[in-house]
Amino acid sequence: MNNLKEQLKQELRSEAPFSEDMKRRILINKQPGKASVKKLNWQVYTVALAFLLILSFIGMTQDETMATKTVATLPTNQNELFTLLQENETVLPIIEPNGKLVVEPKPGASYLMGKQWMLANLPMVIEREAAIQVGDYIAYYGLSGVNVATVYGVTEDKVQMENGQITLNGEFLALPGAVKPVGDQDAEEKEIAKYYFGEREHYFKTQDYIDVELEQLRTNEYAVYSNDNGHTVKVINDNQLIGKVVGIQKLEPSFTLTTEEQSLYGAFKETYDLSLLLDVEPLTITKMYLQAEMELDYETYYALLTDRDPTRTVRANYLQRTQKIRDYYFTEDIQRLLSAYGFNGIEEGQFEQINEINGMIHFFPTSPTSTSSLETSAGMLKNEQGIWQPAFIMAID
């Protein structure tokens, strides 16, 4: 057993096998160069002194912040623990890159926790030179692509996972993904809370916990959450580090409704009379369907969904099963972003009728991701009235 632990320690410290050329090709865009300073004067020294004073203040603030991320004893009440994790979590803004580096994480290896778990695979904005603290998200080169994970320890820290709980320098780390649930939970509470705890599956990966005691972190080493083979913590170093994640890349939907489509959409919402959609183009109905989802108007969304069984029943059951998760976590900003990345380009799509009741809208996504060059299709079904209805949904987990 001791040999196994030592082997695991070494594996957790190993560097990803990437050449510099491969690293450059993985990144979406390059880090901009830094402008050089042309001349100095007495004002520079005044600013420098003020900057040092500011840094001293920031250092004290960071120490105080760190104190809230670790606790001597974890709450034994599940609701109190859940609240503590929410207070400590890092929430990334949705921002324009403005020349900053952007990376596209490898699906299944981007571990955003808490309220932004659904954004884990979207392009992320990176600051390569930013200071990194416990609780930050960082991007780094993993075994087969870009990984994103929470930092659980930095230089000179001592990090350990035991019985699913992570400790930092002898105290419990109160961050999403660093603790196990406490007490009994009913099925609904567990389903909502799993995005803060190690109970969540990542792309069907194991939920087993792997206990490990890391050696004290050396200079330019970071302890991060990992689920390569189970929930655990591992070490990455500066050779793997890309930088601190400072935001999710913003993208606006391109499939807006025309004036005529908006008028039809408004009329349909008043009565949900499907006969209003008779002879309406499948693409228009699909855009209305996506608009309802972006507005979190699930009643209209369900009304536009195919009414043909068994497809209707299967889709409706999934939507009903995940509705509480949507209600708890999804905001209009988040849904608009997901819809933009998933369906931008559909406004240029072409409808193909496959048989009497089956059809597809084929389109090329225009979002800035590696899959944007691949044709995508959205399924449609014609109901008994002869109206084409969307037969697809966006899975949320």
Protein backbone atom coordinates (compact mmCIF):
# COMPACT_ATOMS: atom_id res chain seq x y z
CA MET A 1 0.00 0.00 0.00
CA ASN A 2 2.84 2.40 0.83
CA ASN A 3 4.44 1.68 -2.54
CA LEU A 4 1.13 2.42 -4.24
CA LYS A 5 0.84 5.76 -2.42
CA GLU A 6 4.39 6.73 -3.37
CA GLN A 7 3.69 5.83 -7.00
CA LEU A 8 0.52 7.93 -6.94
CA LYS A 9 2.47 10.90 -5.52
CA GLN A 10 4.96 10.72 -8.36
CA GLU A 11 2.20 10.43 -10.97
CA LEU A 12 0.43 13.44 -9.50
CA ARG A 13 3.64 15.48 -9.89
CA SER A 14 4.33 14.35 -13.44
CA GLU A 15 4.29 16.88 -16.26
CA ALA A 16 1.98 16.62 -19.26
CA PRO A 17 3.84 15.41 -22.39
CA PHE A 18 3.39 18.55 -24.49
CA SER A 19 5.99 20.23 -26.67
CA GLU A 20 5.96 24.03 -26.93
CA ASP A 21 4.61 23.71 -30.48
CA MET A 22 1.71 21.56 -29.31
CA LYS A 23 0.94 24.02 -26.52
CA ARG A 24 0.71 26.89 -29.01
CA ARG A 25 -1.61 24.93 -31.29
CA ILE A 26 -3.98 24.06 -28.44
CA LEU A 27 -4.56 27.73 -27.59
CA ILE A 28 -7.29 29.61 -29.43
CA ASN A 29 -5.33 32.85 -29.69
CA LYS A 30 -1.95 34.06 -28.56
CA GLN A 31 -1.13 36.23 -25.59
CA PRO A 32 -0.59 39.84 -26.72
CA GLY A 33 2.85 41.36 -26.31
CA LYS A 34 3.58 43.88 -23.59
CA ALA A 35 4.40 47.45 -24.47
CA SER A 36 7.83 48.64 -23.34
CA VAL A 37 8.30 51.72 -21.17
CA LYS A 38 9.96 54.51 -23.14
CA LYS A 39 11.11 56.86 -20.36
CA LEU A 40 11.06 57.42 -16.62
CA ASN A 41 10.67 60.52 -14.50
CA TRP A 42 10.03 61.47 -10.88
CA GLN A 43 6.32 60.65 -11.28
CA VAL A 44 7.21 57.01 -11.93
CA TYR A 45 8.91 56.70 -8.54
CA THR A 46 5.93 58.31 -6.83
CA VAL A 47 3.57 55.89 -8.54
CA ALA A 48 5.87 52.97 -7.69
CA LEU A 49 5.82 53.88 -3.99
CA ALA A 50 2.05 54.14 -4.03
CA PHE A 51 1.88 50.80 -5.84
CA LEU A 52 3.96 49.13 -3.13
CA LEU A 53 1.63 50.49 -0.46
CA ILE A 54 -1.34 49.15 -2.40
CA LEU A 55 0.33 45.76 -2.72
CA SER A 56 0.88 45.65 1.04
CA PHE A 57 -2.79 46.35 1.60
CA ILE A 58 -3.79 43.70 -0.94
CA GLY A 59 -1.53 41.19 0.77
CA MET A 60 -3.26 41.75 4.10
CA THR A 61 -6.66 41.49 2.41
CA GLN A 62 -5.68 38.21 0.74
CA ASP A 63 -4.60 36.75 4.09
CA GLU A 64 -7.95 37.69 5.58
CA THR A 65 -9.74 36.19 2.57
CA MET A 66 -7.79 32.94 2.90
CA ALA A 67 -8.86 32.65 6.52
CA THR A 68 -12.49 32.36 5.40
CA LYS A 69 -11.70 29.55 2.94
CA THR A 70 -10.41 27.20 5.65
CA VAL A 71 -12.16 26.21 8.84
CA ALA A 72 -11.05 24.19 11.86
CA THR A 73 -14.36 22.32 11.83
CA LEU A 74 -16.84 21.88 9.00
CA PRO A 75 -20.52 22.60 9.68
CA THR A 76 -22.45 19.45 10.53
CA ASN A 77 -25.65 20.92 9.09
CA GLN A 78 -25.94 20.39 5.35
CA ASN A 79 -27.62 23.74 4.68
CA GLU A 80 -24.94 25.62 6.65
CA LEU A 81 -22.20 23.80 4.75
CA PHE A 82 -23.89 24.54 1.43
CA THR A 83 -24.11 28.23 2.35
CA LEU A 84 -20.42 28.33 3.34
CA LEU A 85 -19.38 26.83 0.00
CA GLN A 86 -21.50 29.35 -1.88
CA GLU A 87 -19.89 32.21 0.03
CA ASN A 88 -16.39 30.97 -0.84
CA GLU A 89 -16.87 29.98 -4.48
CA THR A 90 -15.26 31.83 -7.37
CA VAL A 91 -17.84 33.18 -9.84
CA LEU A 92 -16.39 33.97 -13.25
CA PRO A 93 -17.75 36.97 -15.18
CA ILE A 94 -18.95 36.62 -18.77
CA ILE A 95 -16.59 38.98 -20.62
CA GLU A 96 -15.09 40.00 -23.93
CA PRO A 97 -11.47 38.80 -24.29
CA ASN A 98 -10.20 42.28 -25.27
CA GLY A 99 -6.93 40.82 -26.53
CA LYS A 100 -6.44 38.37 -23.67
CA LEU A 101 -5.64 34.73 -24.26
CA VAL A 102 -8.63 32.41 -24.81
CA VAL A 103 -8.52 28.65 -24.33
CA GLU A 104 -11.04 25.92 -25.07
CA PRO A 105 -11.02 23.29 -22.31
CA LYS A 106 -11.06 19.59 -23.08
CA PRO A 107 -14.62 18.26 -22.54
CA GLY A 108 -14.73 16.25 -19.33
CA ALA A 109 -11.53 17.83 -17.98
CA SER A 110 -12.89 21.25 -17.05
CA TYR A 111 -14.06 21.21 -13.48
CA LEU A 112 -16.09 24.33 -12.86
CA MET A 113 -17.97 23.84 -9.62
CA GLY A 114 -20.94 25.47 -7.99
CA LYS A 115 -23.34 27.81 -9.74
CA GLN A 116 -21.40 27.89 -13.04
CA TRP A 117 -20.92 24.15 -13.56
CA MET A 118 -22.84 24.28 -16.87
CA LEU A 119 -20.26 26.62 -18.42
CA ALA A 120 -17.34 24.25 -17.91
CA ASN A 121 -16.69 23.50 -21.58
CA LEU A 122 -17.02 27.00 -23.00
CA PRO A 123 -14.01 29.09 -24.11
CA MET A 124 -12.34 30.82 -21.16
CA VAL A 125 -10.41 34.06 -20.89
CA ILE A 126 -6.93 33.75 -19.35
CA GLU A 127 -4.50 36.14 -17.70
CA ARG A 128 -1.11 34.48 -17.94
CA GLU A 129 0.75 36.72 -15.49
CA ALA A 130 -1.98 37.10 -12.85
CA ALA A 131 -1.20 36.09 -9.27
CA ILE A 132 -2.83 32.78 -8.34
CA GLN A 133 -4.49 32.11 -4.99
CA VAL A 134 -6.34 29.24 -3.40
CA GLY A 135 -9.88 29.21 -4.77
CA ASP A 136 -8.95 30.56 -8.21
CA TYR A 137 -9.57 28.61 -11.40
CA ILE A 138 -6.52 27.94 -13.55
CA ALA A 139 -6.03 26.44 -17.00
CA TYR A 140 -3.20 23.99 -17.55
CA TYR A 141 -2.03 21.34 -20.00
CA GLY A 142 -3.34 17.91 -19.03
CA LEU A 143 -2.69 14.56 -20.63
CA SER A 144 -4.61 15.29 -23.82
CA GLY A 145 -5.62 18.93 -23.82
CA VAL A 146 -6.45 21.99 -21.77
CA ASN A 147 -7.76 21.29 -18.26
CA VAL A 148 -9.45 23.76 -15.90
CA ALA A 149 -9.59 23.22 -12.16
CA THR A 150 -9.82 24.94 -8.80
CA VAL A 151 -6.56 25.69 -6.98
CA TYR A 152 -6.47 23.99 -3.57
CA GLY A 153 -2.90 24.88 -2.64
CA VAL A 154 0.07 27.04 -3.68
CA THR A 155 3.79 27.24 -2.86
CA GLU A 156 4.67 25.92 0.64
CA ASP A 157 1.14 24.70 1.29
CA LYS A 158 0.46 21.20 2.63
CA VAL A 159 -2.60 19.62 1.02
CA GLN A 160 -4.22 16.31 1.86
CA MET A 161 -7.37 14.44 0.93
CA GLU A 162 -8.68 12.00 3.52
CA ASN A 163 -12.10 10.37 3.45
CA GLY A 164 -13.17 12.74 0.69
CA GLN A 165 -12.29 15.89 2.67
CA ILE A 166 -9.44 18.16 1.61
CA THR A 167 -7.36 19.93 4.21
CA LEU A 168 -5.05 22.87 3.62
CA ASN A 169 -2.27 23.29 6.18
CA GLY A 170 -4.20 21.26 8.72
CA GLU A 171 -7.59 22.93 8.34
CA PHE A 172 -10.59 21.94 6.25
CA LEU A 173 -10.78 23.67 2.89
CA ALA A 174 -14.30 25.04 2.48
CA LEU A 175 -14.48 25.26 -1.31
CA PRO A 176 -16.78 23.58 -3.85
CA GLY A 177 -15.46 20.12 -4.65
CA ALA A 178 -13.22 20.00 -1.56
CA VAL A 179 -15.75 18.51 0.85
CA LYS A 180 -18.27 15.70 1.04
CA PRO A 181 -21.91 16.22 1.93
CA VAL A 182 -22.82 15.87 5.60
CA GLY A 183 -25.95 14.43 7.12
CA ASP A 184 -28.89 12.94 5.27
CA GLN A 185 -30.22 14.45 2.05
CA ASP A 186 -33.41 13.71 0.21
CA ALA A 187 -33.15 13.01 -3.50
CA GLU A 188 -34.13 16.54 -4.52
CA GLU A 189 -31.60 18.23 -2.22
CA LYS A 190 -28.87 15.88 -3.37
CA GLU A 191 -29.61 16.61 -7.03
CA ILE A 192 -29.35 20.37 -6.45
CA ALA A 193 -26.29 20.26 -4.19
CA LYS A 194 -24.19 17.80 -6.20
CA TYR A 195 -22.53 20.60 -8.17
CA TYR A 196 -20.86 21.79 -4.98
CA PHE A 197 -19.74 18.39 -3.76
CA GLY A 198 -17.71 15.45 -4.96
CA GLU A 199 -20.93 13.57 -5.58
CA ARG A 200 -21.12 14.96 -9.10
CA GLU A 201 -20.11 12.77 -12.03
CA HIS A 202 -17.91 14.37 -14.69
CA TYR A 203 -18.66 12.83 -18.07
CA PHE A 204 -19.52 9.50 -16.43
CA LYS A 205 -16.22 9.36 -14.55
CA THR A 206 -16.02 7.45 -11.32
CA GLN A 207 -17.33 8.97 -8.10
CA ASP A 208 -14.75 7.15 -5.99
CA TYR A 209 -12.56 9.24 -3.69
CA ILE A 210 -8.80 8.80 -3.80
CA ASP A 211 -7.09 9.76 -0.56
CA VAL A 212 -3.64 11.29 -0.96
CA GLU A 213 -1.20 13.26 1.17
CA LEU A 214 0.86 15.58 -1.00
CA GLU A 215 4.33 16.68 -0.05
CA GLN A 216 4.71 20.36 0.76
CA LEU A 217 4.29 22.26 -2.49
CA ARG A 218 7.49 23.59 -3.96
CA THR A 219 7.96 26.92 -5.74
CA ASN A 220 5.66 27.27 -8.75
CA GLU A 221 3.65 24.16 -7.88
CA TYR A 222 -0.11 24.12 -7.43
CA ALA A 223 -2.46 21.56 -5.93
CA VAL A 224 -5.65 21.31 -8.02
CA TYR A 225 -8.85 19.30 -8.09
CA SER A 226 -8.65 16.27 -10.38
CA ASN A 227 -10.93 13.49 -11.53
CA ASP A 228 -8.67 11.59 -13.93
CA ASN A 229 -9.42 8.35 -12.08
CA GLY A 230 -11.61 9.52 -9.21
CA HIS A 231 -12.12 12.55 -6.97
CA THR A 232 -8.74 13.65 -5.65
CA VAL A 233 -6.14 16.41 -5.68
CA LYS A 234 -2.94 16.48 -7.72
CA VAL A 235 0.09 18.67 -8.36
CA ILE A 236 0.79 20.66 -11.51
CA ASN A 237 3.72 23.01 -12.10
CA ASP A 238 4.70 26.08 -14.09
CA ASN A 239 5.58 24.01 -17.16
CA GLN A 240 1.94 22.94 -17.38
CA LEU A 241 0.34 26.19 -16.27
CA ILE A 242 -1.37 28.35 -18.89
CA GLY A 243 -2.72 30.97 -16.52
CA LYS A 244 -5.51 32.15 -14.27
CA VAL A 245 -9.05 31.91 -15.61
CA VAL A 246 -10.60 35.38 -15.30
CA GLY A 247 -13.83 34.91 -17.23
CA ILE A 248 -16.00 33.03 -19.70
CA GLN A 249 -15.84 34.34 -23.26
CA LYS A 250 -18.98 36.32 -24.07
CA LEU A 251 -21.04 35.45 -27.14
CA GLU A 252 -24.39 36.91 -28.19
CA PRO A 253 -27.05 34.85 -30.02
CA SER A 254 -27.14 35.46 -33.77
CA PHE A 255 -30.53 33.84 -34.44
CA THR A 256 -32.76 36.77 -33.46
CA LEU A 257 -36.42 36.85 -34.45
CA THR A 258 -37.49 39.12 -37.30
CA THR A 259 -40.31 41.62 -36.71
CA GLU A 260 -42.82 39.22 -38.28
CA GLU A 261 -41.48 36.27 -36.29
CA GLN A 262 -41.62 38.27 -33.06
CA SER A 263 -45.25 39.16 -33.75
CA LEU A 264 -46.11 35.50 -34.37
CA TYR A 265 -44.20 34.48 -31.25
CA GLY A 266 -46.16 36.97 -29.14
CA ALA A 267 -49.49 35.80 -30.56
CA PHE A 268 -48.65 32.15 -29.90
CA LYS A 269 -47.69 32.87 -26.29
CA GLU A 270 -51.14 34.33 -25.64
CA THR A 271 -53.09 31.18 -26.56
CA TYR A 272 -50.61 28.35 -27.35
CA ASP A 273 -52.82 27.65 -30.35
CA LEU A 274 -50.70 25.45 -32.62
CA SER A 275 -52.90 26.24 -35.62
CA LEU A 276 -51.15 29.64 -35.71
CA LEU A 277 -48.04 27.77 -36.85
CA LEU A 278 -49.68 26.01 -39.79
CA ASP A 279 -47.60 26.59 -42.96
CA VAL A 280 -44.92 28.41 -40.93
CA GLU A 281 -41.36 27.56 -41.93
CA PRO A 282 -39.66 24.96 -39.66
CA LEU A 283 -36.72 27.32 -39.12
CA THR A 284 -39.00 30.08 -37.80
CA ILE A 285 -40.65 27.67 -35.35
CA THR A 286 -37.22 26.50 -34.21
CA LYS A 287 -36.05 30.07 -33.60
CA MET A 288 -39.20 30.71 -31.52
CA TYR A 289 -38.46 27.54 -29.54
CA LEU A 290 -34.90 28.70 -28.82
CA GLN A 291 -36.14 32.19 -27.93
CA ALA A 292 -38.50 30.74 -25.32
CA GLU A 293 -35.66 28.78 -23.77
CA MET A 294 -33.42 31.88 -23.63
CA GLU A 295 -36.20 33.75 -21.84
CA LEU A 296 -36.56 30.83 -19.38
CA ASP A 297 -40.18 30.67 -20.54
CA TYR A 298 -40.50 26.93 -20.12
CA GLU A 299 -44.28 26.89 -20.58
CA THR A 300 -43.88 28.24 -24.12
CA TYR A 301 -40.86 26.01 -24.67
CA TYR A 302 -42.90 22.89 -23.81
CA ALA A 303 -45.82 24.10 -25.96
CA LEU A 304 -43.58 24.25 -29.02
CA LEU A 305 -41.92 20.88 -28.39
CA THR A 306 -43.11 18.00 -30.57
CA ASP A 307 -46.36 16.41 -29.44
CA ARG A 308 -45.60 13.11 -31.16
CA ASP A 309 -44.93 10.13 -28.91
CA PRO A 310 -42.71 8.46 -27.88
CA THR A 311 -40.38 11.42 -28.57
CA ARG A 312 -42.61 13.85 -26.67
CA THR A 313 -42.77 11.66 -23.58
CA VAL A 314 -39.02 11.01 -23.48
CA ARG A 315 -38.12 14.67 -23.93
CA ALA A 316 -40.80 15.91 -21.54
CA ASN A 317 -39.75 13.45 -18.83
CA TYR A 318 -36.15 14.66 -19.08
CA LEU A 319 -37.19 18.30 -18.92
CA GLN A 320 -39.41 17.67 -15.91
CA ARG A 321 -36.67 15.72 -14.14
CA THR A 322 -34.16 18.54 -14.60
CA GLN A 323 -36.55 21.47 -14.12
CA LYS A 324 -35.61 22.12 -10.49
CA ILE A 325 -31.94 22.28 -11.49
CA ARG A 326 -32.78 24.79 -14.23
CA ASP A 327 -34.87 26.86 -11.84
CA TYR A 328 -32.12 26.93 -9.23
CA TYR A 329 -29.04 27.55 -11.40
CA PHE A 330 -30.00 28.94 -14.79
CA THR A 331 -30.26 32.69 -15.36
CA GLU A 332 -31.18 34.40 -18.62
CA ASP A 333 -27.54 35.46 -19.09
CA ILE A 334 -26.33 31.88 -18.67
CA GLN A 335 -29.00 30.42 -20.97
CA ARG A 336 -28.37 33.05 -23.66
CA LEU A 337 -24.68 32.19 -23.56
CA LEU A 338 -25.31 28.44 -23.82
CA SER A 339 -27.81 28.93 -26.63
CA ALA A 340 -25.38 31.16 -28.54
CA TYR A 341 -22.59 28.59 -28.32
CA GLY A 342 -24.94 25.77 -29.20
CA PHE A 343 -27.04 27.28 -31.99
CA ASN A 344 -25.37 30.34 -33.51
CA GLY A 345 -25.49 29.81 -37.26
CA ILE A 346 -28.85 28.05 -37.24
CA GLU A 347 -30.41 31.16 -38.83
CA GLU A 348 -28.55 30.18 -42.00
CA GLY A 349 -29.62 26.56 -41.71
CA GLN A 350 -31.35 24.52 -44.40
CA PHE A 351 -34.40 22.36 -43.72
CA GLU A 352 -34.46 18.85 -45.16
CA GLN A 353 -37.62 16.75 -45.10
CA ILE A 354 -36.50 13.14 -44.67
CA ASN A 355 -39.90 11.44 -44.88
CA GLU A 356 -43.53 12.21 -44.24
CA ILE A 357 -43.05 13.24 -40.60
CA ASN A 358 -39.29 13.55 -40.06
CA GLY A 359 -37.11 16.52 -40.93
CA MET A 360 -33.77 18.09 -40.03
CA ILE A 361 -32.36 21.61 -39.98
CA HIS A 362 -28.71 21.40 -41.02
CA PHE A 363 -26.36 24.23 -40.10
CA PHE A 364 -22.73 25.06 -39.40
CA PRO A 365 -22.20 26.55 -35.93
CA THR A 366 -20.49 29.95 -36.00
CA SER A 367 -19.36 29.95 -32.35
CA PRO A 368 -15.59 30.25 -31.74
CA THR A 369 -14.98 26.62 -30.82
CA SER A 370 -13.08 23.73 -32.36
CA THR A 371 -16.34 22.09 -33.48
CA SER A 372 -17.60 25.13 -35.40
CA SER A 373 -16.54 23.62 -38.75
CA LEU A 374 -18.68 20.51 -38.23
CA GLU A 375 -22.22 20.43 -39.58
CA THR A 376 -24.89 20.14 -36.90
CA SER A 377 -28.50 19.06 -37.25
CA ALA A 378 -31.64 19.80 -35.24
CA GLY A 379 -34.45 17.27 -35.49
CA MET A 380 -38.06 18.18 -36.35
CA LEU A 381 -41.27 16.16 -36.37
CA LYS A 382 -44.50 16.99 -38.20
CA ASN A 383 -47.60 16.61 -36.04
CA GLU A 384 -51.01 15.40 -37.14
CA GLN A 385 -52.03 18.96 -38.06
CA GLY A 386 -49.12 19.16 -40.49
CA ILE A 387 -47.07 21.52 -38.28
CA TRP A 388 -43.33 21.04 -37.90
CA GLN A 389 -42.20 21.02 -34.28
CA PRO A 390 -38.73 20.82 -32.66
CA ALA A 391 -37.87 17.31 -31.48
CA PHE A 392 -34.59 18.21 -29.75
CA ILE A 393 -33.60 19.59 -26.38
CA MET A 394 -30.33 20.89 -24.94
CA ALA A 395 -29.17 18.42 -22.30
CA ILE A 396 -27.85 20.20 -19.21
CA ASP A 397 -25.68 17.48 -17.68
